[in-house]
Amino acid sequence: MALMLTPPAAVLALLFASGEPFEKKRLASLLDIKETELAVALRALEGQLRGSGLTLVETDSEVELRTVAEAADIVKKFRESELSRDLGKASLEALAVIAYQDGATRGEVDWVRGVNSSASLKTLLLRGLIEGREDSKDKRRIRYSLTTEALAHLGASCAADLPRAAELGAGARAVMEESTGATASDALE
């Protein structure tokens, strides 16, 4: 027998899985409920979260699951311990995709790596090695690019100064176009 989630539980699951702000309209659509019903579910979820270390942060159009302010010290300690660790292969691969494609969306990074890159991107963002901006081709996506901090660590003044930048960038675009029969940007839309 399949377990049916209550609307607050379903909202919590989606917010947890996304790890970033979620548009309320999209959330209501995914749950197949009206926005007024979503508002009720959000209030119920707020009540359930009291004392849990988590809270909802809302704007008129978005909602996000976050840690409470009282957890700031322990979260800071955790993040500092994360920053002291090596990046790891997955994060280095994601960084390379972003660097050699002169910016990439999460979908593009996932496509090149063949796996979900959310955790790697979060690590790179946390460390200030990449930054995300609205994608000019599709406002619903974020396009990640190297920060000046990343370039400084890599000893380059721009992505074009990276070793074999022209060759590897052209190779990545060719592989994507060959495998999809379309341009790289067309393949990921």
Protein backbone atom coordinates (compact mmCIF):
# COMPACT_ATOMS: atom_id res chain seq x y z
CA MET A 1 0.00 0.00 0.00
CA ALA A 2 1.44 3.38 -1.03
CA LEU A 3 1.83 5.99 1.70
CA MET A 4 0.06 9.26 0.87
CA LEU A 5 1.87 12.36 2.08
CA THR A 6 -0.01 15.23 3.62
CA PRO A 7 0.46 18.55 1.79
CA PRO A 8 2.85 19.87 4.51
CA ALA A 9 4.92 16.66 4.31
CA ALA A 10 5.01 16.83 0.51
CA VAL A 11 6.10 20.50 0.66
CA LEU A 12 8.85 19.58 3.12
CA ALA A 13 10.08 16.77 0.87
CA LEU A 14 10.22 19.03 -2.20
CA LEU A 15 11.93 21.90 -0.36
CA PHE A 16 14.47 19.51 1.14
CA ALA A 17 15.18 17.87 -2.22
CA SER A 18 15.58 21.18 -4.06
CA GLY A 19 17.97 22.74 -1.54
CA GLU A 20 17.20 26.19 -2.90
CA PRO A 21 14.30 28.66 -3.15
CA PHE A 22 11.21 27.14 -4.76
CA GLU A 23 8.60 29.15 -6.66
CA LYS A 24 5.26 28.89 -4.88
CA LYS A 25 3.35 28.59 -8.16
CA ARG A 26 5.50 25.66 -9.23
CA LEU A 27 5.18 24.04 -5.82
CA ALA A 28 1.38 24.29 -5.94
CA SER A 29 1.38 22.92 -9.48
CA LEU A 30 3.56 19.92 -8.56
CA LEU A 31 1.30 19.13 -5.63
CA ASP A 32 -1.81 19.71 -7.73
CA ILE A 33 -3.26 22.12 -5.16
CA LYS A 34 -4.41 25.75 -5.27
CA GLU A 35 -2.10 28.50 -4.04
CA THR A 36 -4.51 29.15 -1.16
CA GLU A 37 -4.17 25.49 -0.13
CA LEU A 38 -0.38 25.83 -0.42
CA ALA A 39 -0.49 28.79 1.97
CA VAL A 40 -2.37 26.63 4.50
CA ALA A 41 0.17 23.81 4.03
CA LEU A 42 3.05 26.25 4.56
CA ARG A 43 1.52 27.52 7.83
CA ALA A 44 1.04 23.94 9.02
CA LEU A 45 4.63 23.08 8.08
CA GLU A 46 5.90 26.15 9.95
CA GLY A 47 4.19 24.82 13.07
CA GLN A 48 5.68 21.36 12.59
CA LEU A 49 9.17 22.80 12.15
CA ARG A 50 9.13 24.81 15.41
CA GLY A 51 11.93 23.55 17.63
CA SER A 52 13.42 21.36 14.88
CA GLY A 53 16.33 23.57 13.86
CA LEU A 54 14.69 24.30 10.51
CA THR A 55 12.41 27.09 9.34
CA LEU A 56 10.71 28.37 6.22
CA VAL A 57 11.94 31.58 4.60
CA GLU A 58 9.34 33.14 2.31
CA THR A 59 8.98 35.95 -0.15
CA ASP A 60 5.80 36.74 -2.05
CA SER A 61 6.76 34.32 -4.81
CA GLU A 62 9.23 31.82 -3.30
CA VAL A 63 9.78 29.66 -0.23
CA GLU A 64 12.93 27.95 1.03
CA LEU A 65 13.81 25.53 3.82
CA ARG A 66 16.66 26.92 5.96
CA THR A 67 18.31 26.41 9.31
CA VAL A 68 17.12 28.64 12.18
CA ALA A 69 19.21 31.60 13.31
CA GLU A 70 19.91 29.85 16.61
CA ALA A 71 21.84 27.17 14.71
CA ALA A 72 24.24 29.72 13.20
CA ASP A 73 27.21 28.80 15.41
CA ILE A 74 27.00 25.04 14.79
CA VAL A 75 26.36 25.56 11.05
CA LYS A 76 29.37 27.90 10.88
CA LYS A 77 31.52 25.25 12.59
CA PHE A 78 30.31 22.63 10.10
CA ARG A 79 31.01 24.88 7.10
CA GLU A 80 34.49 25.70 8.35
CA SER A 81 35.24 21.98 8.67
CA GLU A 82 33.91 21.46 5.12
CA LEU A 83 36.15 24.24 3.79
CA SER A 84 39.23 22.64 5.33
CA ARG A 85 38.74 19.43 3.33
CA ASP A 86 40.04 18.88 -0.19
CA LEU A 87 37.54 19.56 -2.95
CA GLY A 88 37.36 15.97 -4.14
CA LYS A 89 37.12 14.53 -7.62
CA ALA A 90 33.43 15.33 -8.20
CA SER A 91 33.82 19.01 -7.31
CA LEU A 92 36.98 19.30 -9.39
CA GLU A 93 35.15 17.78 -12.38
CA ALA A 94 32.27 20.24 -11.98
CA LEU A 95 34.74 23.12 -11.65
CA ALA A 96 36.53 21.99 -14.83
CA VAL A 97 33.27 21.82 -16.79
CA ILE A 98 32.37 25.35 -15.70
CA ALA A 99 35.88 26.66 -16.38
CA TYR A 100 36.41 25.09 -19.79
CA GLN A 101 32.92 25.87 -21.08
CA ASP A 102 33.27 29.44 -19.83
CA GLY A 103 30.20 28.95 -17.64
CA ALA A 104 27.58 26.20 -17.44
CA THR A 105 24.16 25.44 -16.03
CA ARG A 106 23.65 22.57 -13.59
CA GLY A 107 22.06 20.58 -16.42
CA GLU A 108 25.13 21.05 -18.57
CA VAL A 109 27.46 20.02 -15.75
CA ASP A 110 25.25 16.98 -15.04
CA TRP A 111 25.22 16.06 -18.74
CA VAL A 112 29.00 16.22 -19.13
CA ARG A 113 29.68 14.37 -15.86
CA GLY A 114 26.83 11.89 -16.32
CA VAL A 115 25.65 12.27 -12.71
CA ASN A 116 23.79 14.76 -10.52
CA SER A 117 26.19 17.58 -9.61
CA SER A 118 24.08 19.44 -7.05
CA ALA A 119 26.34 18.63 -4.09
CA SER A 120 29.48 19.54 -6.04
CA LEU A 121 28.00 22.86 -7.13
CA LYS A 122 26.92 23.61 -3.56
CA THR A 123 30.47 22.92 -2.35
CA LEU A 124 31.96 25.18 -5.02
CA LEU A 125 29.46 27.94 -4.20
CA LEU A 126 30.15 27.60 -0.48
CA ARG A 127 33.86 27.97 -1.10
CA GLY A 128 33.37 31.00 -3.33
CA LEU A 129 34.91 29.32 -6.38
CA ILE A 130 31.84 29.74 -8.59
CA GLU A 131 28.93 32.13 -8.67
CA GLY A 132 25.48 31.70 -10.13
CA ARG A 133 23.52 34.17 -12.21
CA GLU A 134 20.28 33.98 -14.15
CA ASP A 135 20.83 32.30 -17.52
CA SER A 136 20.20 34.78 -20.32
CA LYS A 137 18.72 32.04 -22.55
CA ASP A 138 16.33 30.66 -19.93
CA LYS A 139 15.48 32.77 -16.89
CA ARG A 140 14.47 29.64 -14.93
CA ARG A 141 18.05 28.33 -14.90
CA ILE A 142 21.20 29.49 -13.16
CA ARG A 143 24.43 29.77 -15.14
CA TYR A 144 27.54 29.19 -13.04
CA SER A 145 30.86 30.84 -13.75
CA LEU A 146 34.27 30.99 -12.11
CA THR A 147 34.88 33.69 -9.54
CA THR A 148 38.00 35.83 -9.46
CA GLU A 149 38.92 33.80 -6.35
CA ALA A 150 38.92 30.57 -8.40
CA LEU A 151 40.94 32.13 -11.19
CA ALA A 152 43.47 33.48 -8.68
CA HIS A 153 43.85 29.99 -7.12
CA LEU A 154 44.33 28.54 -10.59
CA GLY A 155 46.92 31.19 -11.46
CA ALA A 156 44.89 32.58 -14.38
CA SER A 157 43.52 36.03 -15.07
CA CYS A 158 40.64 34.66 -17.16
CA ALA A 159 39.29 31.27 -18.25
CA ALA A 160 41.06 31.59 -21.60
CA ASP A 161 44.39 31.53 -19.71
CA LEU A 162 43.75 28.03 -18.35
CA PRO A 163 45.93 25.25 -19.80
CA ARG A 164 44.66 24.03 -23.19
CA ALA A 165 41.52 26.22 -22.79
CA ALA A 166 40.80 26.65 -26.51
CA GLU A 167 41.39 22.96 -27.29
CA LEU A 168 39.39 21.54 -24.37
CA GLY A 169 36.55 24.06 -24.71
CA ALA A 170 36.18 23.28 -28.43
CA GLY A 171 36.40 19.55 -27.72
CA ALA A 172 33.63 19.72 -25.12
CA ARG A 173 31.35 21.63 -27.47
CA ALA A 174 32.06 19.19 -30.33
CA VAL A 175 31.28 16.14 -28.17
CA MET A 176 27.99 17.65 -27.03
CA GLU A 177 26.99 18.60 -30.57
CA GLU A 178 27.98 15.20 -31.98
CA SER A 179 26.07 13.20 -29.39
CA THR A 180 22.92 15.29 -29.62
CA GLY A 181 22.92 16.31 -33.26
CA ALA A 182 22.36 19.90 -32.14
CA THR A 183 24.36 22.72 -30.68
CA ALA A 184 25.35 22.32 -27.05
CA SER A 185 22.93 25.01 -25.91
CA ASP A 186 20.06 23.48 -27.90
CA ALA A 187 20.72 20.06 -26.37
CA LEU A 188 20.27 21.26 -22.84
CA GLU A 189 17.15 23.39 -23.18
